[in-house]
């Protein structure tokens, strides 16, 4: 267990050293379309997260639901 923490700590330390020694000041131009691209990306990630959580919530609700489950059980009820 400690060996894994040493590897993670070493990798993190190496990454931080690389980051702080290799950064230079940069002058960048952001055009007006960049803001809408960032906003669209954020909204897309938010929508995908909500959709995924909604699917998990329906699965959890199905575990606690009473009665027949699935289309096969529903068709058996209609035949009786």
N, C-alpha and C. Protein backbone atom coordinates (compact mmCIF):
# COMPACT_ATOMS: atom_id res chain seq x y z
N UNK A 1 0.82 -1.20 0.00
CA UNK A 1 0.00 0.00 0.00
C UNK A 1 0.86 1.26 0.00
N UNK A 2 1.90 1.27 0.82
CA UNK A 2 2.76 2.45 0.87
C UNK A 2 3.56 2.63 -0.41
N UNK A 3 3.85 1.52 -1.09
CA UNK A 3 4.56 1.62 -2.36
C UNK A 3 3.74 2.38 -3.39
N UNK A 4 2.42 2.15 -3.40
CA UNK A 4 1.55 2.87 -4.33
C UNK A 4 1.50 4.36 -4.01
N UNK A 5 1.47 4.70 -2.71
CA UNK A 5 1.45 6.10 -2.34
C UNK A 5 2.75 6.79 -2.71
N UNK A 6 3.87 6.07 -2.58
CA UNK A 6 5.16 6.65 -2.98
C UNK A 6 5.18 6.92 -4.48
N UNK A 7 4.62 6.00 -5.27
CA UNK A 7 4.58 6.19 -6.72
C UNK A 7 3.71 7.38 -7.09
N UNK A 8 2.56 7.49 -6.43
CA UNK A 8 1.65 8.60 -6.71
C UNK A 8 2.29 9.92 -6.28
N UNK A 9 2.89 9.94 -5.10
CA UNK A 9 3.54 11.15 -4.62
C UNK A 9 4.71 11.56 -5.51
N UNK A 10 5.50 10.59 -5.96
CA UNK A 10 6.61 10.89 -6.84
C UNK A 10 6.14 11.43 -8.18
N UNK A 11 5.10 10.84 -8.71
CA UNK A 11 4.55 11.30 -9.98
C UNK A 11 3.98 12.71 -9.85
N UNK A 12 3.28 12.97 -8.75
CA UNK A 12 2.72 14.29 -8.51
C UNK A 12 3.84 15.33 -8.35
N UNK A 13 4.86 14.99 -7.59
CA UNK A 13 5.98 15.92 -7.40
C UNK A 13 6.69 16.20 -8.72
N UNK A 14 6.94 15.17 -9.51
CA UNK A 14 7.58 15.36 -10.81
C UNK A 14 6.73 16.22 -11.73
N UNK A 15 5.43 16.01 -11.71
CA UNK A 15 4.53 16.81 -12.54
C UNK A 15 4.53 18.27 -12.12
N UNK A 16 4.54 18.53 -10.81
CA UNK A 16 4.56 19.91 -10.32
C UNK A 16 5.87 20.60 -10.68
N UNK A 17 6.98 19.88 -10.53
CA UNK A 17 8.28 20.46 -10.89
C UNK A 17 8.29 20.79 -12.37
N UNK A 18 7.83 19.89 -13.20
CA UNK A 18 7.78 20.12 -14.64
C UNK A 18 6.90 21.32 -14.97
N UNK A 19 5.75 21.41 -14.31
CA UNK A 19 4.81 22.49 -14.58
C UNK A 19 5.43 23.84 -14.25
N UNK A 20 6.01 23.95 -13.06
CA UNK A 20 6.53 25.25 -12.63
C UNK A 20 7.82 25.64 -13.34
N UNK A 21 8.57 24.69 -13.84
CA UNK A 21 9.81 25.04 -14.54
C UNK A 21 9.61 25.24 -16.03
N UNK A 22 8.49 24.81 -16.58
CA UNK A 22 8.32 24.91 -18.02
C UNK A 22 7.30 25.95 -18.46
N UNK A 23 6.72 26.67 -17.52
CA UNK A 23 5.72 27.66 -17.91
C UNK A 23 6.38 28.97 -18.27
N UNK A 24 5.95 29.56 -19.33
CA UNK A 24 6.41 30.86 -19.78
C UNK A 24 5.21 31.76 -19.94
N UNK A 25 5.45 33.04 -19.88
CA UNK A 25 4.37 33.99 -20.11
C UNK A 25 3.96 33.91 -21.58
N UNK A 26 2.66 33.85 -21.80
CA UNK A 26 2.20 33.78 -23.18
C UNK A 26 1.14 34.86 -23.41
N UNK A 27 1.15 35.39 -24.58
CA UNK A 27 0.15 36.37 -24.97
C UNK A 27 -0.75 35.70 -25.99
N UNK A 28 -1.99 35.53 -25.60
CA UNK A 28 -2.91 34.81 -26.47
C UNK A 28 -4.12 35.68 -26.77
N UNK A 29 -4.65 35.51 -27.94
CA UNK A 29 -5.86 36.21 -28.34
C UNK A 29 -7.03 35.25 -28.29
N UNK A 30 -8.07 35.63 -27.59
CA UNK A 30 -9.28 34.83 -27.53
C UNK A 30 -10.37 35.57 -28.31
N UNK A 31 -10.80 34.99 -29.40
CA UNK A 31 -11.83 35.65 -30.20
C UNK A 31 -13.20 35.45 -29.55
N UNK A 32 -14.21 36.18 -30.00
CA UNK A 32 -15.54 36.10 -29.38
C UNK A 32 -16.16 34.70 -29.44
N UNK A 33 -15.81 33.92 -30.42
CA UNK A 33 -16.37 32.57 -30.53
C UNK A 33 -15.87 31.63 -29.45
N UNK A 34 -14.75 31.94 -28.83
CA UNK A 34 -14.18 31.07 -27.80
C UNK A 34 -15.10 31.02 -26.59
N UNK A 35 -15.67 32.15 -26.21
CA UNK A 35 -16.58 32.17 -25.06
C UNK A 35 -17.80 31.30 -25.27
N UNK A 36 -18.36 31.36 -26.46
CA UNK A 36 -19.54 30.52 -26.73
C UNK A 36 -19.15 29.04 -26.80
N UNK A 37 -17.95 28.75 -27.28
CA UNK A 37 -17.48 27.36 -27.33
C UNK A 37 -17.31 26.81 -25.91
N UNK A 38 -16.74 27.61 -25.02
CA UNK A 38 -16.56 27.18 -23.63
C UNK A 38 -17.92 27.00 -22.97
N UNK A 39 -18.84 27.94 -23.18
CA UNK A 39 -20.18 27.85 -22.60
C UNK A 39 -20.91 26.61 -23.12
N UNK A 40 -20.82 26.34 -24.40
CA UNK A 40 -21.46 25.15 -24.98
C UNK A 40 -20.87 23.87 -24.40
N UNK A 41 -19.58 23.85 -24.20
CA UNK A 41 -18.94 22.67 -23.61
C UNK A 41 -19.42 22.44 -22.18
N UNK A 42 -19.49 23.51 -21.41
CA UNK A 42 -19.95 23.39 -20.03
C UNK A 42 -21.39 22.91 -19.99
N UNK A 43 -22.24 23.48 -20.83
CA UNK A 43 -23.64 23.05 -20.87
C UNK A 43 -23.79 21.60 -21.33
N UNK A 44 -22.96 21.17 -22.27
CA UNK A 44 -23.00 19.79 -22.73
C UNK A 44 -22.58 18.82 -21.64
N UNK A 45 -21.54 19.17 -20.91
CA UNK A 45 -21.09 18.32 -19.80
C UNK A 45 -22.17 18.26 -18.73
N UNK A 46 -22.78 19.39 -18.43
CA UNK A 46 -23.85 19.43 -17.43
C UNK A 46 -25.05 18.57 -17.87
N UNK A 47 -25.44 18.67 -19.13
CA UNK A 47 -26.57 17.87 -19.63
C UNK A 47 -26.25 16.39 -19.60
N UNK A 48 -25.04 16.01 -19.98
CA UNK A 48 -24.66 14.59 -19.96
C UNK A 48 -24.63 14.06 -18.54
N UNK A 49 -24.17 14.87 -17.60
CA UNK A 49 -24.13 14.45 -16.20
C UNK A 49 -25.54 14.25 -15.66
N UNK A 50 -26.42 15.18 -15.94
CA UNK A 50 -27.80 15.07 -15.47
C UNK A 50 -28.48 13.85 -16.08
N UNK A 51 -28.27 13.63 -17.37
CA UNK A 51 -28.87 12.48 -18.05
C UNK A 51 -28.37 11.16 -17.45
N UNK A 52 -27.07 11.08 -17.17
CA UNK A 52 -26.50 9.87 -16.59
C UNK A 52 -27.03 9.63 -15.18
N UNK A 53 -27.07 10.69 -14.36
CA UNK A 53 -27.59 10.54 -13.00
C UNK A 53 -29.06 10.18 -13.00
N UNK A 54 -29.80 10.69 -13.96
CA UNK A 54 -31.22 10.35 -14.07
C UNK A 54 -31.40 8.86 -14.36
N UNK A 55 -30.55 8.32 -15.23
CA UNK A 55 -30.61 6.88 -15.52
C UNK A 55 -30.31 6.03 -14.30
N UNK A 56 -29.30 6.45 -13.54
CA UNK A 56 -28.97 5.72 -12.31
C UNK A 56 -30.10 5.82 -11.30
N UNK A 57 -30.74 6.99 -11.21
CA UNK A 57 -31.84 7.16 -10.27
C UNK A 57 -33.01 6.24 -10.63
N UNK A 58 -33.30 6.09 -11.92
CA UNK A 58 -34.38 5.19 -12.34
C UNK A 58 -34.04 3.74 -12.00
N UNK A 59 -32.78 3.36 -12.13
CA UNK A 59 -32.38 1.99 -11.78
C UNK A 59 -32.53 1.76 -10.28
N UNK A 60 -32.16 2.75 -9.48
CA UNK A 60 -32.29 2.61 -8.03
C UNK A 60 -33.75 2.53 -7.63
N UNK A 61 -34.60 3.35 -8.25
CA UNK A 61 -36.03 3.30 -7.97
C UNK A 61 -36.62 1.95 -8.35
N UNK A 62 -36.14 1.36 -9.45
CA UNK A 62 -36.65 0.07 -9.90
C UNK A 62 -36.33 -1.04 -8.91
N UNK A 63 -35.25 -0.90 -8.17
CA UNK A 63 -34.92 -1.91 -7.16
C UNK A 63 -35.94 -1.95 -6.04
N UNK A 64 -36.53 -0.81 -5.71
CA UNK A 64 -37.46 -0.72 -4.60
C UNK A 64 -38.92 -0.74 -5.03
N UNK A 65 -39.18 -0.85 -6.31
CA UNK A 65 -40.54 -0.84 -6.83
C UNK A 65 -41.19 -2.20 -6.59
N UNK A 66 -42.44 -2.17 -6.25
CA UNK A 66 -43.18 -3.43 -6.04
C UNK A 66 -43.87 -3.84 -7.33
N UNK A 67 -44.24 -5.10 -7.41
CA UNK A 67 -45.00 -5.57 -8.55
C UNK A 67 -44.11 -6.17 -9.61
N UNK A 68 -44.73 -6.54 -10.73
CA UNK A 68 -43.98 -7.18 -11.81
C UNK A 68 -42.97 -6.23 -12.44
N UNK A 69 -41.91 -6.84 -12.93
CA UNK A 69 -40.85 -6.05 -13.56
C UNK A 69 -40.68 -6.46 -15.01
N UNK A 70 -40.48 -5.50 -15.85
CA UNK A 70 -40.15 -5.78 -17.24
C UNK A 70 -41.38 -5.96 -18.11
N UNK A 71 -41.14 -6.07 -19.40
CA UNK A 71 -42.22 -6.20 -20.38
C UNK A 71 -42.84 -7.58 -20.34
N UNK A 72 -42.05 -8.61 -20.02
CA UNK A 72 -42.58 -9.98 -19.96
C UNK A 72 -43.62 -10.11 -18.85
N UNK A 73 -43.36 -9.53 -17.71
CA UNK A 73 -44.32 -9.59 -16.60
C UNK A 73 -45.56 -8.78 -16.95
N UNK A 74 -45.40 -7.68 -17.64
CA UNK A 74 -46.53 -6.85 -18.04
C UNK A 74 -47.43 -7.59 -19.03
N UNK A 75 -46.83 -8.33 -19.97
CA UNK A 75 -47.62 -9.06 -20.95
C UNK A 75 -48.34 -10.24 -20.30
N UNK A 76 -47.75 -10.83 -19.25
CA UNK A 76 -48.42 -11.93 -18.55
C UNK A 76 -49.67 -11.42 -17.84
N UNK A 77 -49.62 -10.23 -17.31
CA UNK A 77 -50.78 -9.68 -16.63
C UNK A 77 -51.92 -9.41 -17.60
N UNK A 78 -51.59 -8.97 -18.80
CA UNK A 78 -52.62 -8.68 -19.81
C UNK A 78 -53.27 -9.94 -20.36
N UNK A 79 -52.58 -11.08 -20.32
CA UNK A 79 -53.13 -12.33 -20.85
C UNK A 79 -54.13 -12.95 -19.89
N UNK A 80 -54.00 -12.68 -18.61
CA UNK A 80 -54.91 -13.30 -17.61
C UNK A 80 -56.27 -12.72 -17.61
